[in-house]
């Protein structure tokens, strides 16, 4: 894997477009449209492969609240039967 050079400063052109980038990524972060799950899963698998890591188990939940409850439930089950249920990542 090739090590990439870390950016130390923005160019003048990048600074001039900063407000545009901020607005774009704020809109993305606040977006509540349904996820493209197959595309997201493929991207996650590729990123882990690029880092030479095993792909994670991906569990989709309907909301941040249900994700929190799911994670807590899996963690509790893992305490009770560690061999049957790997701990959440």
Protein backbone atom coordinates (compact mmCIF):
# COMPACT_ATOMS: atom_id res chain seq x y z
CA UNK A 1 0.00 0.00 0.00
CA UNK A 2 1.34 3.43 -0.97
CA UNK A 3 1.54 5.97 1.83
CA UNK A 4 -0.16 9.19 0.82
CA UNK A 5 1.24 12.60 1.61
CA UNK A 6 -0.74 14.44 4.27
CA UNK A 7 -2.08 17.86 3.30
CA UNK A 8 -0.50 20.55 5.46
CA UNK A 9 -2.38 23.59 4.11
CA UNK A 10 -5.18 24.48 1.72
CA UNK A 11 -4.44 26.11 -1.61
CA UNK A 12 -5.84 29.58 -2.34
CA UNK A 13 -8.38 27.93 -4.67
CA UNK A 14 -9.46 25.51 -1.94
CA UNK A 15 -9.82 28.33 0.58
CA UNK A 16 -11.95 30.28 -1.91
CA UNK A 17 -14.32 27.27 -2.19
CA UNK A 18 -14.43 26.52 1.55
CA UNK A 19 -18.00 27.82 2.02
CA UNK A 20 -19.15 25.63 -0.88
CA UNK A 21 -17.53 22.54 0.66
CA UNK A 22 -18.93 23.34 4.11
CA UNK A 23 -22.47 23.70 2.72
CA UNK A 24 -22.19 20.51 0.66
CA UNK A 25 -20.89 18.33 3.50
CA UNK A 26 -23.29 19.84 6.04
CA UNK A 27 -26.18 18.92 3.72
CA UNK A 28 -24.78 15.41 3.35
CA UNK A 29 -24.42 15.05 7.12
CA UNK A 30 -27.98 16.21 7.74
CA UNK A 31 -29.52 14.15 4.93
CA UNK A 32 -32.20 11.67 5.99
CA UNK A 33 -32.66 9.97 2.61
CA UNK A 34 -32.48 6.17 2.67
CA UNK A 35 -28.95 4.79 2.39
CA UNK A 36 -27.82 2.97 -0.72
CA UNK A 37 -27.01 -0.09 1.37
CA UNK A 38 -25.34 -2.26 -1.28
CA UNK A 39 -23.12 0.64 -2.35
CA UNK A 40 -22.25 1.52 1.25
CA UNK A 41 -21.43 -2.09 2.13
CA UNK A 42 -19.23 -2.46 -0.95
CA UNK A 43 -17.36 0.74 -0.04
CA UNK A 44 -16.82 -0.45 3.55
CA UNK A 45 -15.49 -3.81 2.37
CA UNK A 46 -13.10 -2.03 -0.05
CA UNK A 47 -11.81 0.31 2.67
CA UNK A 48 -11.13 -2.56 5.05
CA UNK A 49 -9.40 -4.50 2.26
CA UNK A 50 -7.24 -1.49 1.46
CA UNK A 51 -6.21 -1.38 5.12
CA UNK A 52 -5.52 -5.17 5.02
CA UNK A 53 -8.27 -5.81 7.56
CA UNK A 54 -11.05 -8.38 7.56
CA UNK A 55 -14.40 -6.92 6.52
CA UNK A 56 -16.68 -6.17 9.47
CA UNK A 57 -20.07 -7.70 10.07
CA UNK A 58 -22.51 -5.01 8.90
CA UNK A 59 -25.84 -4.63 10.69
CA UNK A 60 -28.34 -2.09 9.38
CA UNK A 61 -30.76 -0.44 11.81
CA UNK A 62 -33.74 1.79 11.18
CA UNK A 63 -32.60 4.70 13.32
CA UNK A 64 -29.83 5.85 15.64
CA UNK A 65 -32.01 4.81 18.60
CA UNK A 66 -32.54 1.28 17.27
CA UNK A 67 -28.81 1.04 16.54
CA UNK A 68 -28.02 1.91 20.14
CA UNK A 69 -30.51 -0.63 21.45
CA UNK A 70 -29.23 -3.30 19.05
CA UNK A 71 -25.63 -2.70 20.07
CA UNK A 72 -26.50 -2.81 23.78
CA UNK A 73 -28.46 -6.04 23.28
CA UNK A 74 -25.63 -7.71 21.35
CA UNK A 75 -23.11 -6.59 23.98
CA UNK A 76 -25.27 -8.05 26.76
CA UNK A 77 -25.72 -11.33 24.88
CA UNK A 78 -21.95 -11.48 24.34
CA UNK A 79 -21.43 -11.26 28.11
CA UNK A 80 -23.82 -14.14 28.70
CA UNK A 81 -22.58 -16.42 25.88
CA UNK A 82 -19.23 -15.11 24.64
CA UNK A 83 -18.51 -18.08 22.34
CA UNK A 84 -21.87 -17.78 20.58
CA UNK A 85 -21.80 -14.03 20.01
CA UNK A 86 -18.68 -12.08 19.03
CA UNK A 87 -18.51 -8.64 20.68
CA UNK A 88 -19.69 -5.62 18.66
CA UNK A 89 -17.03 -3.53 17.00
